[in-house]
Amino acid sequence: MDKRLNYRLITGKDDAGFCERVSSFIDEGYRLYGAPSVRYNGKDVIVAQAVVLPEKRHEKVSP
């Protein structure tokens, strides 16, 4: 997998491979962000799904 970015947009043909890609990001700690977008390009159904890493909570440091 590439560098762990806070936000990723996964796109591709709607097939088992796309679902496996999304599942692998979830396994790495990403969460789905919003609903998937679905389009038909005249031949295939193309989907896009955003995923994000959960916000890192910073502990307050006392002075």
C-alpha atoms as a PDB file:
ATOM      1  CA  MET A   1       0.000   0.000   0.000  1.00  0.00           C
ATOM      2  CA  ASP A   2       1.034   3.601  -0.525  1.00  0.00           C
ATOM      3  CA  LYS A   3       1.863   6.158   2.155  1.00  0.00           C
ATOM      4  CA  ARG A   4      -0.892   6.400   4.787  1.00  0.00           C
ATOM      5  CA  LEU A   5      -2.662   9.620   3.865  1.00  0.00           C
ATOM      6  CA  ASN A   6      -5.435  11.012   6.053  1.00  0.00           C
ATOM      7  CA  TYR A   7      -7.846  10.968   3.087  1.00  0.00           C
ATOM      8  CA  ARG A   8      -8.066   8.616   0.128  1.00  0.00           C
ATOM      9  CA  LEU A   9     -10.542   8.433  -2.748  1.00  0.00           C
ATOM     10  CA  ILE A  10     -10.774   4.924  -4.132  1.00  0.00           C
ATOM     11  CA  THR A  11     -12.218   4.578  -7.631  1.00  0.00           C
ATOM     12  CA  GLY A  12     -12.739   1.753 -10.051  1.00  0.00           C
ATOM     13  CA  LYS A  13     -15.057  -0.649 -11.790  1.00  0.00           C
ATOM     14  CA  ASP A  14     -17.741  -2.017  -9.476  1.00  0.00           C
ATOM     15  CA  ASP A  15     -16.449  -5.548  -9.000  1.00  0.00           C
ATOM     16  CA  ALA A  16     -14.966  -7.829  -6.354  1.00  0.00           C
ATOM     17  CA  GLY A  17     -11.533  -6.215  -6.826  1.00  0.00           C
ATOM     18  CA  PHE A  18     -12.909  -2.804  -5.880  1.00  0.00           C
ATOM     19  CA  CYS A  19     -14.562  -4.260  -2.772  1.00  0.00           C
ATOM     20  CA  GLU A  20     -11.280  -5.952  -1.825  1.00  0.00           C
ATOM     21  CA  ARG A  21      -9.420  -2.624  -2.161  1.00  0.00           C
ATOM     22  CA  VAL A  22     -11.930  -0.828   0.072  1.00  0.00           C
ATOM     23  CA  SER A  23     -11.823  -3.707   2.576  1.00  0.00           C
ATOM     24  CA  SER A  24      -8.020  -3.556   2.734  1.00  0.00           C
ATOM     25  CA  PHE A  25      -8.143   0.154   3.612  1.00  0.00           C
ATOM     26  CA  ILE A  26     -10.692  -0.602   6.357  1.00  0.00           C
ATOM     27  CA  ASP A  27      -8.371  -3.345   7.658  1.00  0.00           C
ATOM     28  CA  GLU A  28      -5.589  -0.720   7.836  1.00  0.00           C
ATOM     29  CA  GLY A  29      -7.698   1.515  10.081  1.00  0.00           C
ATOM     30  CA  TYR A  30      -9.447   3.748   7.554  1.00  0.00           C
ATOM     31  CA  ARG A  31     -13.162   4.506   7.933  1.00  0.00           C
ATOM     32  CA  LEU A  32     -15.686   5.066   5.171  1.00  0.00           C
ATOM     33  CA  TYR A  33     -16.386   8.760   4.607  1.00  0.00           C
ATOM     34  CA  GLY A  34     -19.750   9.538   3.074  1.00  0.00           C
ATOM     35  CA  ALA A  35     -21.748   7.528   0.605  1.00  0.00           C
ATOM     36  CA  PRO A  36     -20.200   5.948  -2.473  1.00  0.00           C
ATOM     37  CA  SER A  37     -20.650   7.659  -5.815  1.00  0.00           C
ATOM     38  CA  VAL A  38     -21.826   5.456  -8.681  1.00  0.00           C
ATOM     39  CA  ARG A  39     -21.774   6.249 -12.400  1.00  0.00           C
ATOM     40  CA  TYR A  40     -22.268   4.300 -15.591  1.00  0.00           C
ATOM     41  CA  ASN A  41     -19.753   5.094 -18.329  1.00  0.00           C
ATOM     42  CA  GLY A  42     -21.663   3.353 -21.133  1.00  0.00           C
ATOM     43  CA  LYS A  43     -19.897   0.065 -20.526  1.00  0.00           C
ATOM     44  CA  ASP A  44     -19.204  -0.431 -16.811  1.00  0.00           C
ATOM     45  CA  VAL A  45     -20.485   0.806 -13.467  1.00  0.00           C
ATOM     46  CA  ILE A  46     -17.741   2.966 -11.930  1.00  0.00           C
ATOM     47  CA  VAL A  47     -17.703   3.637  -8.202  1.00  0.00           C
ATOM     48  CA  ALA A  48     -15.839   6.002  -5.905  1.00  0.00           C
ATOM     49  CA  GLN A  49     -15.589   5.737  -2.126  1.00  0.00           C
ATOM     50  CA  ALA A  50     -13.770   8.128   0.179  1.00  0.00           C
ATOM     51  CA  VAL A  51     -11.999   6.776   3.253  1.00  0.00           C
ATOM     52  CA  VAL A  52     -10.319   8.666   6.085  1.00  0.00           C
ATOM     53  CA  LEU A  53      -8.075   7.846   8.990  1.00  0.00           C
ATOM     54  CA  PRO A  54      -9.709   8.633  12.345  1.00  0.00           C
ATOM     55  CA  GLU A  55      -8.631  11.957  13.831  1.00  0.00           C
ATOM     56  CA  LYS A  56      -5.668  11.669  16.102  1.00  0.00           C
ATOM     57  CA  ARG A  57      -6.533  12.959  19.534  1.00  0.00           C
ATOM     58  CA  HIS A  58      -3.807  15.118  21.023  1.00  0.00           C
ATOM     59  CA  GLU A  59      -3.362  15.095  24.750  1.00  0.00           C
ATOM     60  CA  LYS A  60      -3.080  18.471  26.395  1.00  0.00           C
ATOM     61  CA  VAL A  61       0.312  19.066  27.885  1.00  0.00           C
ATOM     62  CA  SER A  62       0.418  21.015  31.141  1.00  0.00           C
ATOM     63  CA  PRO A  63       2.891  23.928  31.193  1.00  0.00           C
END
